[in-house]
Each structure stands twice: as C-alpha cells, then as structure tokens.
C-alpha atoms as a PDB file:
ATOM      1  CA  MET A   1     134.130  80.470  80.321  1.00  0.00           C
ATOM      2  CA  PHE A   2     132.234  79.092  83.502  1.00  0.00           C
ATOM      3  CA  ALA A   3     132.856  82.256  85.236  1.00  0.00           C
ATOM      4  CA  VAL A   4     131.220  84.389  82.495  1.00  0.00           C
ATOM      5  CA  LEU A   5     128.255  81.853  82.450  1.00  0.00           C
ATOM      6  CA  ASN A   6     127.987  82.024  86.138  1.00  0.00           C
ATOM      7  CA  SER A   7     128.058  85.802  86.105  1.00  0.00           C
ATOM      8  CA  PHE A   8     125.581  86.028  83.297  1.00  0.00           C
ATOM      9  CA  VAL A   9     123.020  83.697  85.027  1.00  0.00           C
ATOM     10  CA  GLY A  10     123.460  85.303  88.316  1.00  0.00           C
ATOM     11  CA  LYS A  11     122.560  88.734  86.812  1.00  0.00           C
ATOM     12  CA  VAL A  12     119.663  87.308  84.729  1.00  0.00           C
ATOM     13  CA  VAL A  13     118.257  85.651  87.977  1.00  0.00           C
ATOM     14  CA  VAL A  14     118.713  88.844  89.963  1.00  0.00           C
ATOM     15  CA  GLN A  15     117.617  91.324  87.432  1.00  0.00           C
ATOM     16  CA  ILE A  16     114.782  89.377  85.601  1.00  0.00           C
ATOM     17  CA  ILE A  17     113.769  86.228  87.398  1.00  0.00           C
ATOM     18  CA  ASN A  18     113.725  87.667  90.917  1.00  0.00           C
ATOM     19  CA  PRO A  19     111.421  90.682  90.168  1.00  0.00           C
ATOM     20  CA  ILE A  20     109.067  88.550  88.249  1.00  0.00           C
ATOM     21  CA  ILE A  21     108.797  86.015  91.094  1.00  0.00           C
ATOM     22  CA  LEU A  22     108.277  88.910  93.554  1.00  0.00           C
ATOM     23  CA  LEU A  23     105.450  90.323  91.333  1.00  0.00           C
ATOM     24  CA  LEU A  24     103.619  87.053  90.811  1.00  0.00           C
ATOM     25  CA  ALA A  25     103.844  86.331  94.595  1.00  0.00           C
ATOM     26  CA  ALA A  26     102.458  89.649  95.401  1.00  0.00           C
ATOM     27  CA  GLY A  27      99.532  89.144  92.977  1.00  0.00           C
ATOM     28  CA  ALA A  28      98.786  85.779  94.422  1.00  0.00           C
ATOM     29  CA  PHE A  29      99.020  87.233  98.047  1.00  0.00           C
ATOM     30  CA  VAL A  30      96.524  90.098  96.856  1.00  0.00           C
ATOM     31  CA  LEU A  31      94.154  87.471  95.334  1.00  0.00           C
ATOM     32  CA  PHE A  32      94.340  85.542  98.636  1.00  0.00           C
ATOM     33  CA  ILE A  33      93.443  88.527 100.884  1.00  0.00           C
ATOM     34  CA  TRP A  34      90.793  89.622  98.346  1.00  0.00           C
ATOM     35  CA  GLY A  35      89.230  86.218  98.675  1.00  0.00           C
ATOM     36  CA  VAL A  36      89.279  86.373 102.539  1.00  0.00           C
ATOM     37  CA  PHE A  37      87.699  89.891 102.238  1.00  0.00           C
ATOM     38  CA  GLU A  38      84.949  88.559 100.068  1.00  0.00           C
ATOM     39  CA  PHE A  39      84.358  85.615 102.200  1.00  0.00           C
ATOM     40  CA  ILE A  40      83.899  87.791 105.350  1.00  0.00           C
ATOM     41  CA  MET A  41      81.992  90.605 103.831  1.00  0.00           C
ATOM     42  CA  ASN A  42      79.428  88.232 102.148  1.00  0.00           C
ATOM     43  CA  ALA A  43      78.647  85.982 105.077  1.00  0.00           C
ATOM     44  CA  GLY A  44      75.000  85.814 104.309  1.00  0.00           C
ATOM     45  CA  ASN A  45      75.191  85.194 100.550  1.00  0.00           C
ATOM     46  CA  GLU A  46      76.413  81.582  99.882  1.00  0.00           C
ATOM     47  CA  LYS A  47      77.073  82.345  96.213  1.00  0.00           C
ATOM     48  CA  GLU A  48      79.333  85.139  96.993  1.00  0.00           C
ATOM     49  CA  ARG A  49      81.103  83.139  99.672  1.00  0.00           C
ATOM     50  CA  GLU A  50      81.802  80.370  97.189  1.00  0.00           C
ATOM     51  CA  THR A  51      83.493  83.082  95.049  1.00  0.00           C
ATOM     52  CA  GLY A  52      85.701  84.065  98.061  1.00  0.00           C
ATOM     53  CA  LYS A  53      86.584  80.615  98.703  1.00  0.00           C
ATOM     54  CA  GLN A  54      87.798  79.981  95.149  1.00  0.00           C
ATOM     55  CA  ALA A  55      89.745  83.204  95.189  1.00  0.00           C
ATOM     56  CA  ILE A  56      91.502  82.029  98.510  1.00  0.00           C
ATOM     57  CA  LEU A  57      92.165  78.537  96.932  1.00  0.00           C
ATOM     58  CA  TRP A  58      93.676  80.105  93.747  1.00  0.00           C
ATOM     59  CA  GLY A  59      95.667  82.463  95.826  1.00  0.00           C
ATOM     60  CA  ILE A  60      97.176  79.673  97.902  1.00  0.00           C
ATOM     61  CA  ILE A  61      97.884  77.546  94.921  1.00  0.00           C
ATOM     62  CA  GLY A  62      99.597  80.486  93.231  1.00  0.00           C
ATOM     63  CA  LEU A  63     101.812  81.038  96.163  1.00  0.00           C
ATOM     64  CA  VAL A  64     102.667  77.331  96.384  1.00  0.00           C
ATOM     65  CA  ILE A  65     103.700  77.250  92.739  1.00  0.00           C
ATOM     66  CA  ILE A  66     105.595  80.389  92.856  1.00  0.00           C
ATOM     67  CA  PHE A  67     107.611  79.489  95.945  1.00  0.00           C
ATOM     68  CA  GLY A  68     108.112  75.988  94.505  1.00  0.00           C
ATOM     69  CA  ALA A  69     109.554  77.543  91.272  1.00  0.00           C
ATOM     70  CA  TYR A  70     111.992  79.626  93.298  1.00  0.00           C
ATOM     71  CA  GLY A  71     113.070  76.474  95.245  1.00  0.00           C
ATOM     72  CA  ILE A  72     113.415  74.538  91.958  1.00  0.00           C
ATOM     73  CA  ILE A  73     115.536  77.335  90.507  1.00  0.00           C
ATOM     74  CA  ASN A  74     117.765  77.447  93.602  1.00  0.00           C
ATOM     75  CA  LEU A  75     118.034  73.622  93.290  1.00  0.00           C
ATOM     76  CA  ALA A  76     119.161  73.570  89.730  1.00  0.00           C
ATOM     77  CA  LEU A  77     121.513  76.471  90.284  1.00  0.00           C
ATOM     78  CA  GLY A  78     122.987  74.598  93.201  1.00  0.00           C
ATOM     79  CA  THR A  79     123.287  71.246  91.119  1.00  0.00           C
ATOM     80  CA  PHE A  80     125.220  72.869  88.379  1.00  0.00           C
ATOM     81  CA  ASN A  81     127.521  74.747  90.741  1.00  0.00           C
ATOM     82  CA  LEU A  82     125.991  78.240  89.722  1.00  0.00           C
ATOM     83  CA  ALA A  83     125.332  80.932  92.111  1.00  0.00           C
ATOM     84  CA  PRO A  84     122.310  80.734  94.305  1.00  0.00           C
ATOM     85  CA  ILE A  85     119.628  83.291  93.898  1.00  0.00           C
ATOM     86  CA  ASN A  86     120.718  86.314  95.985  1.00  0.00           C
ATOM     87  CA  ARG A  87     121.447  89.870  95.265  1.00  0.00           C
ATOM     88  CA  ILE A  88     124.471  90.974  93.343  1.00  0.00           C
ATOM     89  CA  THR A  89     126.029  94.074  94.774  1.00  0.00           C
ATOM     90  CA  GLN A  90     127.751  95.636  91.858  1.00  0.00           C
END
C-alpha cells in the first residue's frame, strides 16, 4: 500500500507541483527583472523609481516563498519516507 502511495505522490509532485513551482518562480523572476528595468530607466522620476523598488521587493519575496515551499515539500516528503522531489523517468 505504501509503495502505491509513494508512487502516486511522486507522480503528482513531478507532473503537477514541480511545473507550478517552476511557473511561479519564473513569474517572480520576471517581476524582479521588470522592477530592475523600471528602477534604472526612470532614474530621474522618484515616483516611477518607487514603483520599480516595489516590483523588486515583491519579486524577491515571491522567490523566497516559492523556494521555501519547495524546501518544505522536500522536508515533508523526507519526513514521511516518501520519494524526494525529482524526475521520474518512466
């Protein structure tokens, strides 16, 4: 029974959770880069620079939360002796 559960959880993580985490990380990274771009391009306009600073801040917060969730998922899977998050080659 645990082998079936382990296989199911492994497939769910690889086929659903990992792509979602990757998509969210890419979005947070794009937000961070956009904030840097706004910050540099609007060097003379303090209001627009503040918008860039906020985008940078939220991009970093998003990345920290996403990679923290990834670590927590790995920790939980390891605690319950389930397979860690990695690719299943079947």
